[in-house]
C-alpha atoms as a PDB file:
ATOM      1  CA  UNK A   1     115.700  85.392  99.490  1.00  0.00           C
ATOM      2  CA  UNK A   2     113.576  82.429  98.548  1.00  0.00           C
ATOM      3  CA  UNK A   3     109.845  82.249  98.012  1.00  0.00           C
ATOM      4  CA  UNK A   4     109.383  80.554 101.367  1.00  0.00           C
ATOM      5  CA  UNK A   5     110.747  83.718 103.038  1.00  0.00           C
ATOM      6  CA  UNK A   6     107.569  85.483 101.920  1.00  0.00           C
ATOM      7  CA  UNK A   7     105.493  83.365 104.287  1.00  0.00           C
ATOM      8  CA  UNK A   8     107.725  82.469 107.219  1.00  0.00           C
ATOM      9  CA  UNK A   9     108.657  84.336 110.361  1.00  0.00           C
ATOM     10  CA  UNK A  10     112.397  85.129 110.128  1.00  0.00           C
ATOM     11  CA  UNK A  11     112.829  84.892 113.906  1.00  0.00           C
ATOM     12  CA  UNK A  12     111.274  81.441 114.305  1.00  0.00           C
ATOM     13  CA  UNK A  13     111.417  79.978 110.807  1.00  0.00           C
ATOM     14  CA  UNK A  14     107.787  78.923 111.182  1.00  0.00           C
ATOM     15  CA  UNK A  15     104.830  79.745 108.955  1.00  0.00           C
ATOM     16  CA  UNK A  16     103.466  83.243 109.521  1.00  0.00           C
ATOM     17  CA  UNK A  17      99.747  83.328 108.800  1.00  0.00           C
ATOM     18  CA  UNK A  18      99.716  87.125 108.627  1.00  0.00           C
ATOM     19  CA  UNK A  19     102.497  87.130 106.008  1.00  0.00           C
ATOM     20  CA  UNK A  20     100.869  84.264 104.106  1.00  0.00           C
ATOM     21  CA  UNK A  21      97.444  85.896 103.794  1.00  0.00           C
ATOM     22  CA  UNK A  22      98.848  89.377 103.159  1.00  0.00           C
ATOM     23  CA  UNK A  23     100.913  88.028 100.268  1.00  0.00           C
ATOM     24  CA  UNK A  24      97.948  86.067  98.908  1.00  0.00           C
ATOM     25  CA  UNK A  25      95.843  89.250  99.020  1.00  0.00           C
ATOM     26  CA  UNK A  26      98.557  91.287  97.264  1.00  0.00           C
ATOM     27  CA  UNK A  27      98.995  88.573  94.633  1.00  0.00           C
ATOM     28  CA  UNK A  28      95.242  88.409  94.002  1.00  0.00           C
ATOM     29  CA  UNK A  29      95.029  92.209  93.727  1.00  0.00           C
ATOM     30  CA  UNK A  30      97.988  92.243  91.339  1.00  0.00           C
ATOM     31  CA  UNK A  31      96.444  89.493  89.213  1.00  0.00           C
ATOM     32  CA  UNK A  32      93.146  91.354  88.903  1.00  0.00           C
ATOM     33  CA  UNK A  33      94.998  94.615  88.219  1.00  0.00           C
ATOM     34  CA  UNK A  34      96.853  92.913  85.349  1.00  0.00           C
ATOM     35  CA  UNK A  35      93.647  91.325  84.022  1.00  0.00           C
ATOM     36  CA  UNK A  36      91.939  94.732  83.944  1.00  0.00           C
ATOM     37  CA  UNK A  37      94.970  96.163  82.155  1.00  0.00           C
ATOM     38  CA  UNK A  38      94.922  93.339  79.607  1.00  0.00           C
ATOM     39  CA  UNK A  39      91.206  93.824  78.946  1.00  0.00           C
ATOM     40  CA  UNK A  40      91.590  97.591  78.662  1.00  0.00           C
ATOM     41  CA  UNK A  41      89.176  98.227  81.531  1.00  0.00           C
ATOM     42  CA  UNK A  42      91.727  99.682  83.937  1.00  0.00           C
ATOM     43  CA  UNK A  43      90.557 103.035  85.299  1.00  0.00           C
ATOM     44  CA  UNK A  44      92.309 105.752  87.283  1.00  0.00           C
ATOM     45  CA  UNK A  45      90.250 104.778  90.332  1.00  0.00           C
ATOM     46  CA  UNK A  46      91.494 101.199  90.173  1.00  0.00           C
ATOM     47  CA  UNK A  47      95.081 102.464  89.770  1.00  0.00           C
ATOM     48  CA  UNK A  48      94.762 104.623  92.881  1.00  0.00           C
ATOM     49  CA  UNK A  49      93.139 101.907  94.967  1.00  0.00           C
ATOM     50  CA  UNK A  50      95.648  99.263  93.880  1.00  0.00           C
ATOM     51  CA  UNK A  51      98.675 101.462  94.500  1.00  0.00           C
ATOM     52  CA  UNK A  52      97.237 102.675  97.805  1.00  0.00           C
ATOM     53  CA  UNK A  53      96.548  99.199  99.114  1.00  0.00           C
ATOM     54  CA  UNK A  54      99.577  97.298  97.835  1.00  0.00           C
ATOM     55  CA  UNK A  55     102.047 100.183  98.116  1.00  0.00           C
ATOM     56  CA  UNK A  56     100.592 101.408 101.388  1.00  0.00           C
ATOM     57  CA  UNK A  57     100.812  97.953 102.922  1.00  0.00           C
ATOM     58  CA  UNK A  58     104.459  97.668 101.925  1.00  0.00           C
ATOM     59  CA  UNK A  59     105.287 101.134 103.249  1.00  0.00           C
ATOM     60  CA  UNK A  60     103.460 100.445 106.520  1.00  0.00           C
ATOM     61  CA  UNK A  61     105.350  97.180 107.059  1.00  0.00           C
ATOM     62  CA  UNK A  62     108.676  98.930 106.496  1.00  0.00           C
ATOM     63  CA  UNK A  63     107.742 101.734 108.877  1.00  0.00           C
ATOM     64  CA  UNK A  64     106.651  99.286 111.581  1.00  0.00           C
ATOM     65  CA  UNK A  65     109.860  97.252 111.185  1.00  0.00           C
ATOM     66  CA  UNK A  66     111.918 100.429 111.543  1.00  0.00           C
ATOM     67  CA  UNK A  67     110.034 101.454 114.687  1.00  0.00           C
ATOM     68  CA  UNK A  68     110.469  97.980 116.206  1.00  0.00           C
ATOM     69  CA  UNK A  69     114.193  98.053 115.471  1.00  0.00           C
ATOM     70  CA  UNK A  70     114.490 101.517 117.074  1.00  0.00           C
ATOM     71  CA  UNK A  71     112.592 100.308 120.153  1.00  0.00           C
ATOM     72  CA  UNK A  72     114.844  97.254 120.508  1.00  0.00           C
ATOM     73  CA  UNK A  73     118.003  99.367 120.220  1.00  0.00           C
ATOM     74  CA  UNK A  74     116.835 101.942 122.779  1.00  0.00           C
END
């Protein structure tokens, strides 16, 4: 998997704006999470929000992909 796979639609090979902006948002959140950790200002609230947003997004995408695959096979 190359970096370009993070932003392109696997079915068409074209740029996927939803994947592009979702990955930019996750990268920005990760950067700020790391900056807070480096500065020593990381709180439990920030941990929960970061993990909920980034982890939740990833889990939701996997769940949706599974449901689409099930629907296509039915």
